[in-house]
Amino acid sequence: MKYVLTLVLAAAAVLSAQETDRVTVPLSNPSRPATVRVDLMNGNIDVKAHNGKDVVVEMSGGGSNPRRSSRRPAEVDGLKRVDVFSTGLDVEERENVIQIGTGPRSQNTSVTVLVPQSTSLKLKTMTGKVSVDGVKGEVEANSMNGAVSITNVEGSVVAHSLNGKVIVSLAKIDGNKAMSFSTMNGDIDVTMPGDTKANVRLKNDHGEVWTDFEMKLQTTPKVESGRESDGRYRVKFERTVTGTINGGGPDMSFTTMNGQIRLRKAK
């Protein structure tokens, strides 16, 4: 049986723009793993595992811009305008999949989500930080302008930032899943168990690669060649290192244009 819960939360004008909205969302089937998806325009996303069976969503921050009146001044003489602010938090649950988002007018918001440990995540914000702690599942985290921090996770990770650091600590790895860690401008720092088996690809255009894993390196391949429109013949090699850890395994990709790559063994 399908169970749907939709909540749209709005803070009225009499509330401060820093007002907090909080809601507890029951899962349709608490005995099964959940999937939580968060999509924000501007704001931080913080997800933490807890011992409860429900998903708890809390939103705080700037709220939306007030809706300005377009009426002629003669119609408002002697009256005071009441500006309506709204966080516009929208939460929907269907068959253990929870969607969390905000309206297009929301600005500078922060969303904190408490989830059962066995939860997979798909998180996205245009401007803001993304952090995850303690979940056991598949994690996809994306920030256009902000750092991505994922700690004490068991499962698989795909983490990307356009302008920000990517820091990941994996307590246990799903041995069958490919993983990717990338940023355009920032460092990548990933810690994994010492017995991790992987085929790794490390690409760094303007920076260095550091690791304490014993890595069997392979020859960097030629990636493109050909004659250009002005008659020149060009061969281009990527600044890419490929190799294997502990005999090889699932693919892991590490890519940054401007920053350092650090691949560490868990202590």
C-alpha atoms as a PDB file:
ATOM      1  CA  MET A   1       0.000   0.000   0.000  1.00  0.00           C
ATOM      2  CA  LYS A   2       1.324   3.407  -0.914  1.00  0.00           C
ATOM      3  CA  TYR A   3       1.690   6.031   1.763  1.00  0.00           C
ATOM      4  CA  VAL A   4       2.118   9.662   0.785  1.00  0.00           C
ATOM      5  CA  LEU A   5       2.855  12.554   3.105  1.00  0.00           C
ATOM      6  CA  THR A   6       3.245  16.058   1.752  1.00  0.00           C
ATOM      7  CA  LEU A   7       4.096  18.966   4.027  1.00  0.00           C
ATOM      8  CA  VAL A   8       4.534  22.560   2.959  1.00  0.00           C
ATOM      9  CA  LEU A   9       5.714  24.690   5.871  1.00  0.00           C
ATOM     10  CA  ALA A  10       5.544  28.484   5.819  1.00  0.00           C
ATOM     11  CA  ALA A  11       6.609  30.981   8.450  1.00  0.00           C
ATOM     12  CA  ALA A  12       4.272  33.967   8.626  1.00  0.00           C
ATOM     13  CA  ALA A  13       5.443  37.551   8.710  1.00  0.00           C
ATOM     14  CA  VAL A  14       5.152  37.762  12.455  1.00  0.00           C
ATOM     15  CA  LEU A  15       7.875  35.120  12.789  1.00  0.00           C
ATOM     16  CA  SER A  16      11.540  35.904  12.509  1.00  0.00           C
ATOM     17  CA  ALA A  17      13.363  35.031   9.288  1.00  0.00           C
ATOM     18  CA  GLN A  18      15.508  32.774  11.478  1.00  0.00           C
ATOM     19  CA  GLU A  19      12.504  30.685  12.546  1.00  0.00           C
ATOM     20  CA  THR A  20      13.008  26.908  12.479  1.00  0.00           C
ATOM     21  CA  ASP A  21      10.620  24.431  10.870  1.00  0.00           C
ATOM     22  CA  ARG A  22      10.803  20.845  12.152  1.00  0.00           C
ATOM     23  CA  VAL A  23       8.821  17.793  11.149  1.00  0.00           C
ATOM     24  CA  THR A  24       9.018  14.057  11.847  1.00  0.00           C
ATOM     25  CA  VAL A  25       8.248  11.872   8.835  1.00  0.00           C
ATOM     26  CA  PRO A  26       7.255   8.203   9.376  1.00  0.00           C
ATOM     27  CA  LEU A  27       8.428   5.687   6.794  1.00  0.00           C
ATOM     28  CA  SER A  28       5.903   3.550   4.969  1.00  0.00           C
ATOM     29  CA  ASN A  29       7.900   0.439   5.940  1.00  0.00           C
ATOM     30  CA  PRO A  30      10.393   1.070   8.784  1.00  0.00           C
ATOM     31  CA  SER A  31      11.840  -2.436   8.374  1.00  0.00           C
ATOM     32  CA  ARG A  32      13.232  -1.525   4.925  1.00  0.00           C
ATOM     33  CA  PRO A  33      16.077   0.870   4.036  1.00  0.00           C
ATOM     34  CA  ALA A  34      15.063   4.406   3.108  1.00  0.00           C
ATOM     35  CA  THR A  35      16.158   6.807   0.393  1.00  0.00           C
ATOM     36  CA  VAL A  36      16.322  10.546   1.125  1.00  0.00           C
ATOM     37  CA  ARG A  37      16.646  13.135  -1.635  1.00  0.00           C
ATOM     38  CA  VAL A  38      17.364  16.808  -0.866  1.00  0.00           C
ATOM     39  CA  ASP A  39      17.453  19.505  -3.550  1.00  0.00           C
ATOM     40  CA  LEU A  40      18.125  23.144  -2.557  1.00  0.00           C
ATOM     41  CA  MET A  41      18.812  26.308  -4.509  1.00  0.00           C
ATOM     42  CA  ASN A  42      20.822  28.081  -1.789  1.00  0.00           C
ATOM     43  CA  GLY A  43      21.642  26.534   1.546  1.00  0.00           C
ATOM     44  CA  ASN A  44      23.550  23.956   3.541  1.00  0.00           C
ATOM     45  CA  ILE A  45      22.567  20.284   3.813  1.00  0.00           C
ATOM     46  CA  ASP A  46      23.523  18.301   6.928  1.00  0.00           C
ATOM     47  CA  VAL A  47      22.514  14.629   7.197  1.00  0.00           C
ATOM     48  CA  LYS A  48      23.222  12.480  10.255  1.00  0.00           C
ATOM     49  CA  ALA A  49      22.333   8.911  11.138  1.00  0.00           C
ATOM     50  CA  HIS A  50      20.360   8.331  14.331  1.00  0.00           C
ATOM     51  CA  ASN A  51      18.852   5.357  16.142  1.00  0.00           C
ATOM     52  CA  GLY A  52      15.242   6.235  15.375  1.00  0.00           C
ATOM     53  CA  LYS A  53      13.020   4.687  12.688  1.00  0.00           C
ATOM     54  CA  ASP A  54      11.611   7.988  11.431  1.00  0.00           C
ATOM     55  CA  VAL A  55      13.201  10.738   9.371  1.00  0.00           C
ATOM     56  CA  VAL A  56      13.415  14.096  11.129  1.00  0.00           C
ATOM     57  CA  VAL A  57      13.707  17.210   8.960  1.00  0.00           C
ATOM     58  CA  GLU A  58      14.634  20.598  10.363  1.00  0.00           C
ATOM     59  CA  MET A  59      14.980  23.770   8.344  1.00  0.00           C
ATOM     60  CA  SER A  60      16.205  27.144   9.492  1.00  0.00           C
ATOM     61  CA  GLY A  61      17.582  30.269   7.960  1.00  0.00           C
ATOM     62  CA  GLY A  62      16.742  33.177   5.742  1.00  0.00           C
ATOM     63  CA  GLY A  63      13.403  32.211   4.279  1.00  0.00           C
ATOM     64  CA  SER A  64      12.179  33.845   1.101  1.00  0.00           C
ATOM     65  CA  ASN A  65      12.213  37.434   0.017  1.00  0.00           C
ATOM     66  CA  PRO A  66       9.028  39.247   0.958  1.00  0.00           C
ATOM     67  CA  ARG A  67       6.480  39.612  -1.785  1.00  0.00           C
ATOM     68  CA  ARG A  68       6.473  43.300  -2.695  1.00  0.00           C
ATOM     69  CA  SER A  69       3.183  44.952  -3.530  1.00  0.00           C
ATOM     70  CA  SER A  70       2.723  46.326  -7.039  1.00  0.00           C
ATOM     71  CA  ARG A  71      -0.413  48.338  -6.151  1.00  0.00           C
ATOM     72  CA  ARG A  72      -0.513  52.082  -6.771  1.00  0.00           C
ATOM     73  CA  PRO A  73       0.499  54.258  -3.757  1.00  0.00           C
ATOM     74  CA  ALA A  74      -3.011  55.764  -3.584  1.00  0.00           C
ATOM     75  CA  GLU A  75      -4.350  52.341  -2.618  1.00  0.00           C
ATOM     76  CA  VAL A  76      -2.032  51.938   0.371  1.00  0.00           C
ATOM     77  CA  ASP A  77      -2.055  55.431   1.920  1.00  0.00           C
ATOM     78  CA  GLY A  78      -2.372  55.149   5.655  1.00  0.00           C
ATOM     79  CA  LEU A  79      -1.795  51.398   5.658  1.00  0.00           C
ATOM     80  CA  LYS A  80       1.226  49.380   6.673  1.00  0.00           C
ATOM     81  CA  ARG A  81       2.325  46.600   4.393  1.00  0.00           C
ATOM     82  CA  VAL A  82       2.720  43.137   5.958  1.00  0.00           C
ATOM     83  CA  ASP A  83       5.596  41.343   4.223  1.00  0.00           C
ATOM     84  CA  VAL A  84       5.095  37.598   4.020  1.00  0.00           C
ATOM     85  CA  PHE A  85       8.193  35.472   4.531  1.00  0.00           C
ATOM     86  CA  SER A  86       8.220  31.731   3.889  1.00  0.00           C
ATOM     87  CA  THR A  87      10.844  29.017   4.200  1.00  0.00           C
ATOM     88  CA  GLY A  88       8.808  27.018   1.706  1.00  0.00           C
ATOM     89  CA  LEU A  89       9.976  23.644   3.013  1.00  0.00           C
ATOM     90  CA  ASP A  90       8.334  20.827   1.081  1.00  0.00           C
ATOM     91  CA  VAL A  91       8.596  17.203   2.289  1.00  0.00           C
ATOM     92  CA  GLU A  92       7.033  14.189   0.642  1.00  0.00           C
ATOM     93  CA  GLU A  93       7.296  10.485   1.537  1.00  0.00           C
ATOM     94  CA  ARG A  94       6.216   7.635  -0.717  1.00  0.00           C
ATOM     95  CA  GLU A  95       7.202   3.985  -0.191  1.00  0.00           C
ATOM     96  CA  ASN A  96      10.300   4.850   1.895  1.00  0.00           C
ATOM     97  CA  VAL A  97      11.517   7.515  -0.548  1.00  0.00           C
ATOM     98  CA  ILE A  98      11.554  11.003   0.943  1.00  0.00           C
ATOM     99  CA  GLN A  99      11.841  14.132  -1.198  1.00  0.00           C
ATOM    100  CA  ILE A 100      12.906  17.372   0.506  1.00  0.00           C
ATOM    101  CA  GLY A 101      13.034  20.710  -1.256  1.00  0.00           C
ATOM    102  CA  THR A 102      12.289  24.408  -1.026  1.00  0.00           C
ATOM    103  CA  GLY A 103      10.474  26.926  -3.147  1.00  0.00           C
ATOM    104  CA  PRO A 104      12.360  29.046  -5.711  1.00  0.00           C
ATOM    105  CA  ARG A 105      12.076  32.142  -3.464  1.00  0.00           C
ATOM    106  CA  SER A 106      13.913  30.546  -0.526  1.00  0.00           C
ATOM    107  CA  GLN A 107      17.324  31.983   0.306  1.00  0.00           C
ATOM    108  CA  ASN A 108      20.203  31.091   2.636  1.00  0.00           C
ATOM    109  CA  THR A 109      18.470  28.160   4.248  1.00  0.00           C
ATOM    110  CA  SER A 110      19.909  25.222   6.154  1.00  0.00           C
ATOM    111  CA  VAL A 111      18.378  21.761   6.203  1.00  0.00           C
ATOM    112  CA  THR A 112      19.305  19.193   8.855  1.00  0.00           C
ATOM    113  CA  VAL A 113      18.023  15.652   8.378  1.00  0.00           C
ATOM    114  CA  LEU A 114      18.219  12.799  10.896  1.00  0.00           C
ATOM    115  CA  VAL A 115      17.872   9.438   9.161  1.00  0.00           C
ATOM    116  CA  PRO A 116      17.965   5.745  10.121  1.00  0.00           C
ATOM    117  CA  GLN A 117      21.436   4.295   9.578  1.00  0.00           C
ATOM    118  CA  SER A 118      20.375   2.162   6.596  1.00  0.00           C
ATOM    119  CA  THR A 119      19.577   5.086   4.308  1.00  0.00           C
ATOM    120  CA  SER A 120      20.745   6.023   0.841  1.00  0.00           C
ATOM    121  CA  LEU A 121      21.127   9.711   0.006  1.00  0.00           C
ATOM    122  CA  LYS A 122      20.922  11.960  -3.053  1.00  0.00           C
ATOM    123  CA  LEU A 123      21.867  15.495  -2.011  1.00  0.00           C
ATOM    124  CA  LYS A 124      22.213  18.615  -4.147  1.00  0.00           C
ATOM    125  CA  THR A 125      22.636  22.322  -3.476  1.00  0.00           C
ATOM    126  CA  MET A 126      23.647  25.128  -5.800  1.00  0.00           C
ATOM    127  CA  THR A 127      25.359  27.228  -3.129  1.00  0.00           C
ATOM    128  CA  GLY A 128      26.144  25.739   0.258  1.00  0.00           C
ATOM    129  CA  LYS A 129      27.947  22.988   2.125  1.00  0.00           C
ATOM    130  CA  VAL A 130      26.935  19.328   2.132  1.00  0.00           C
ATOM    131  CA  SER A 131      27.811  17.080   5.082  1.00  0.00           C
ATOM    132  CA  VAL A 132      26.921  13.460   5.842  1.00  0.00           C
ATOM    133  CA  ASP A 133      27.781  11.397   8.908  1.00  0.00           C
ATOM    134  CA  GLY A 134      27.235   7.788   9.889  1.00  0.00           C
ATOM    135  CA  VAL A 135      24.934   6.360   7.210  1.00  0.00           C
ATOM    136  CA  LYS A 136      25.096   2.886   5.661  1.00  0.00           C
ATOM    137  CA  GLY A 137      24.056   3.082   2.028  1.00  0.00           C
ATOM    138  CA  GLU A 138      24.735   4.748  -1.296  1.00  0.00           C
ATOM    139  CA  VAL A 139      25.595   8.446  -1.044  1.00  0.00           C
ATOM    140  CA  GLU A 140      25.501  10.983  -3.866  1.00  0.00           C
ATOM    141  CA  ALA A 141      26.454  14.513  -2.786  1.00  0.00           C
ATOM    142  CA  ASN A 142      26.784  17.525  -5.063  1.00  0.00           C
ATOM    143  CA  SER A 143      27.474  21.203  -4.382  1.00  0.00           C
ATOM    144  CA  MET A 144      28.140  23.757  -7.077  1.00  0.00           C
ATOM    145  CA  ASN A 145      29.714  26.242  -4.662  1.00  0.00           C
ATOM    146  CA  GLY A 146      30.624  24.711  -1.328  1.00  0.00           C
ATOM    147  CA  ALA A 147      32.539  21.946   0.397  1.00  0.00           C
ATOM    148  CA  VAL A 148      31.372  18.334   0.536  1.00  0.00           C
ATOM    149  CA  SER A 149      32.197  16.400   3.727  1.00  0.00           C
ATOM    150  CA  ILE A 150      31.238  12.737   4.176  1.00  0.00           C
ATOM    151  CA  THR A 151      32.414  10.908   7.301  1.00  0.00           C
ATOM    152  CA  ASN A 152      32.034   7.489   8.921  1.00  0.00           C
ATOM    153  CA  VAL A 153      30.034   6.093   5.986  1.00  0.00           C
ATOM    154  CA  GLU A 154      29.588   2.440   5.053  1.00  0.00           C
ATOM    155  CA  GLY A 155      28.680   1.840   1.428  1.00  0.00           C
ATOM    156  CA  SER A 156      29.541   3.762  -1.744  1.00  0.00           C
ATOM    157  CA  VAL A 157      30.075   7.454  -2.439  1.00  0.00           C
ATOM    158  CA  VAL A 158      29.845   9.792  -5.412  1.00  0.00           C
ATOM    159  CA  ALA A 159      30.900  13.288  -4.287  1.00  0.00           C
ATOM    160  CA  HIS A 160      31.318  16.400  -6.422  1.00  0.00           C
ATOM    161  CA  SER A 161      31.925  20.101  -5.870  1.00  0.00           C
ATOM    162  CA  LEU A 162      32.592  22.684  -8.533  1.00  0.00           C
ATOM    163  CA  ASN A 163      34.245  25.128  -6.116  1.00  0.00           C
ATOM    164  CA  GLY A 164      35.075  23.502  -2.792  1.00  0.00           C
ATOM    165  CA  LYS A 165      36.906  20.716  -0.985  1.00  0.00           C
ATOM    166  CA  VAL A 166      35.766  17.109  -1.093  1.00  0.00           C
ATOM    167  CA  ILE A 167      36.578  15.259   2.148  1.00  0.00           C
ATOM    168  CA  VAL A 168      35.438  11.654   2.577  1.00  0.00           C
ATOM    169  CA  SER A 169      36.018   9.032   5.259  1.00  0.00           C
ATOM    170  CA  LEU A 170      34.757   5.511   4.525  1.00  0.00           C
ATOM    171  CA  ALA A 171      34.495   3.065   7.426  1.00  0.00           C
ATOM    172  CA  LYS A 172      33.459   0.192   5.138  1.00  0.00           C
ATOM    173  CA  ILE A 173      33.160  -0.068   1.373  1.00  0.00           C
ATOM    174  CA  ASP A 174      30.582  -1.756  -0.818  1.00  0.00           C
ATOM    175  CA  GLY A 175      32.978  -3.899  -2.845  1.00  0.00           C
ATOM    176  CA  ASN A 176      30.851  -3.926  -5.994  1.00  0.00           C
ATOM    177  CA  LYS A 177      30.164  -0.217  -6.512  1.00  0.00           C
ATOM    178  CA  ALA A 178      32.182   2.248  -8.564  1.00  0.00           C
ATOM    179  CA  MET A 179      32.936   5.530  -6.782  1.00  0.00           C
ATOM    180  CA  SER A 180      33.878   9.033  -7.874  1.00  0.00           C
ATOM    181  CA  PHE A 181      35.336  12.072  -6.084  1.00  0.00           C
ATOM    182  CA  SER A 182      35.737  15.298  -8.042  1.00  0.00           C
ATOM    183  CA  THR A 183      36.069  19.063  -7.813  1.00  0.00           C
ATOM    184  CA  MET A 184      37.116  21.802 -10.176  1.00  0.00           C
ATOM    185  CA  ASN A 185      38.747  24.069  -7.589  1.00  0.00           C
ATOM    186  CA  GLY A 186      39.667  22.398  -4.304  1.00  0.00           C
ATOM    187  CA  ASP A 187      41.442  19.509  -2.610  1.00  0.00           C
ATOM    188  CA  ILE A 188      40.241  15.915  -2.534  1.00  0.00           C
ATOM    189  CA  ASP A 189      40.995  14.010   0.680  1.00  0.00           C
ATOM    190  CA  VAL A 190      39.682  10.434   0.911  1.00  0.00           C
ATOM    191  CA  THR A 191      40.312   7.920   3.710  1.00  0.00           C
ATOM    192  CA  MET A 192      39.508   4.229   3.154  1.00  0.00           C
ATOM    193  CA  PRO A 193      40.126   0.918   4.951  1.00  0.00           C
ATOM    194  CA  GLY A 194      43.616  -0.479   4.360  1.00  0.00           C
ATOM    195  CA  ASP A 195      42.289  -3.661   2.719  1.00  0.00           C
ATOM    196  CA  THR A 196      40.340  -1.769   0.036  1.00  0.00           C
ATOM    197  CA  LYS A 197      40.597  -3.336  -3.425  1.00  0.00           C
ATOM    198  CA  ALA A 198      40.230  -0.878  -6.283  1.00  0.00           C
ATOM    199  CA  ASN A 199      41.193   0.204  -9.771  1.00  0.00           C
ATOM    200  CA  VAL A 200      42.057   3.867  -9.338  1.00  0.00           C
ATOM    201  CA  ARG A 201      42.221   6.784 -11.737  1.00  0.00           C
ATOM    202  CA  LEU A 202      43.746   9.998 -10.381  1.00  0.00           C
ATOM    203  CA  LYS A 203      43.642  13.138 -12.515  1.00  0.00           C
ATOM    204  CA  ASN A 204      45.153  16.402 -11.346  1.00  0.00           C
ATOM    205  CA  ASP A 205      45.857  19.244 -13.775  1.00  0.00           C
ATOM    206  CA  HIS A 206      47.517  21.705 -11.371  1.00  0.00           C
ATOM    207  CA  GLY A 207      48.522  19.943  -8.191  1.00  0.00           C
ATOM    208  CA  GLU A 208      50.005  16.795  -6.665  1.00  0.00           C
ATOM    209  CA  VAL A 209      48.851  13.320  -5.658  1.00  0.00           C
ATOM    210  CA  TRP A 210      49.729  11.813  -2.264  1.00  0.00           C
ATOM    211  CA  THR A 211      48.946   8.349  -0.845  1.00  0.00           C
ATOM    212  CA  ASP A 212      50.151   5.824   1.715  1.00  0.00           C
ATOM    213  CA  PHE A 213      48.571   2.891  -0.164  1.00  0.00           C
ATOM    214  CA  GLU A 214      50.884   0.569  -2.075  1.00  0.00           C
ATOM    215  CA  MET A 215      49.724   1.299  -5.614  1.00  0.00           C
ATOM    216  CA  LYS A 216      50.708  -0.599  -8.739  1.00  0.00           C
ATOM    217  CA  LEU A 217      50.928   2.074 -11.395  1.00  0.00           C
ATOM    218  CA  GLN A 218      50.131   1.735 -15.072  1.00  0.00           C
ATOM    219  CA  THR A 219      51.388   3.763 -18.037  1.00  0.00           C
ATOM    220  CA  THR A 220      49.497   7.004 -18.653  1.00  0.00           C
ATOM    221  CA  PRO A 221      47.573   6.548 -21.922  1.00  0.00           C
ATOM    222  CA  LYS A 222      47.515   8.968 -24.843  1.00  0.00           C
ATOM    223  CA  VAL A 223      44.047  10.540 -24.726  1.00  0.00           C
ATOM    224  CA  GLU A 224      43.709  12.589 -27.918  1.00  0.00           C
ATOM    225  CA  SER A 225      45.579  13.280 -31.118  1.00  0.00           C
ATOM    226  CA  GLY A 226      44.828  14.676 -34.540  1.00  0.00           C
ATOM    227  CA  ARG A 227      45.368  17.460 -37.023  1.00  0.00           C
ATOM    228  CA  GLU A 228      43.791  20.796 -36.185  1.00  0.00           C
ATOM    229  CA  SER A 229      42.135  23.268 -38.577  1.00  0.00           C
ATOM    230  CA  ASP A 230      45.326  25.285 -39.008  1.00  0.00           C
ATOM    231  CA  GLY A 231      47.288  22.226 -40.129  1.00  0.00           C
ATOM    232  CA  ARG A 232      49.079  21.493 -36.873  1.00  0.00           C
ATOM    233  CA  TYR A 233      49.163  17.894 -35.598  1.00  0.00           C
ATOM    234  CA  ARG A 234      48.580  17.770 -31.866  1.00  0.00           C
ATOM    235  CA  VAL A 235      49.007  15.013 -29.293  1.00  0.00           C
ATOM    236  CA  LYS A 236      47.687  15.679 -25.794  1.00  0.00           C
ATOM    237  CA  PHE A 237      48.354  13.634 -22.666  1.00  0.00           C
ATOM    238  CA  GLU A 238      46.249  14.010 -19.527  1.00  0.00           C
ATOM    239  CA  ARG A 239      47.913  14.447 -16.152  1.00  0.00           C
ATOM    240  CA  THR A 240      46.403  11.141 -15.097  1.00  0.00           C
ATOM    241  CA  VAL A 241      47.684   8.240 -13.017  1.00  0.00           C
ATOM    242  CA  THR A 242      45.997   4.856 -13.200  1.00  0.00           C
ATOM    243  CA  GLY A 243      46.738   1.825 -11.096  1.00  0.00           C
ATOM    244  CA  THR A 244      45.481  -0.806  -8.712  1.00  0.00           C
ATOM    245  CA  ILE A 245      45.279  -1.130  -4.934  1.00  0.00           C
ATOM    246  CA  ASN A 246      45.459  -4.577  -3.297  1.00  0.00           C
ATOM    247  CA  GLY A 247      45.219  -6.335  -6.648  1.00  0.00           C
ATOM    248  CA  GLY A 248      42.394  -4.221  -8.101  1.00  0.00           C
ATOM    249  CA  GLY A 249      38.638  -4.061  -7.745  1.00  0.00           C
ATOM    250  CA  PRO A 250      35.798  -1.643  -8.538  1.00  0.00           C
ATOM    251  CA  ASP A 251      36.665   1.608 -10.324  1.00  0.00           C
ATOM    252  CA  MET A 252      37.445   4.694  -8.229  1.00  0.00           C
ATOM    253  CA  SER A 253      37.974   8.069  -9.871  1.00  0.00           C
ATOM    254  CA  PHE A 254      39.648  11.101  -8.258  1.00  0.00           C
ATOM    255  CA  THR A 255      39.642  14.332 -10.293  1.00  0.00           C
ATOM    256  CA  THR A 256      40.580  17.934  -9.538  1.00  0.00           C
ATOM    257  CA  MET A 257      41.801  20.735 -11.758  1.00  0.00           C
ATOM    258  CA  ASN A 258      43.247  23.030  -9.076  1.00  0.00           C
ATOM    259  CA  GLY A 259      44.100  21.281  -5.821  1.00  0.00           C
ATOM    260  CA  GLN A 260      45.764  18.335  -4.123  1.00  0.00           C
ATOM    261  CA  ILE A 261      44.628  14.693  -4.079  1.00  0.00           C
ATOM    262  CA  ARG A 262      45.248  12.740  -0.868  1.00  0.00           C
ATOM    263  CA  LEU A 263      44.300   9.068  -0.650  1.00  0.00           C
ATOM    264  CA  ARG A 264      44.808   7.688   2.859  1.00  0.00           C
ATOM    265  CA  LYS A 265      44.618   4.404   4.743  1.00  0.00           C
ATOM    266  CA  ALA A 266      42.321   4.449   7.766  1.00  0.00           C
ATOM    267  CA  LYS A 267      44.295   4.233  11.009  1.00  0.00           C
END
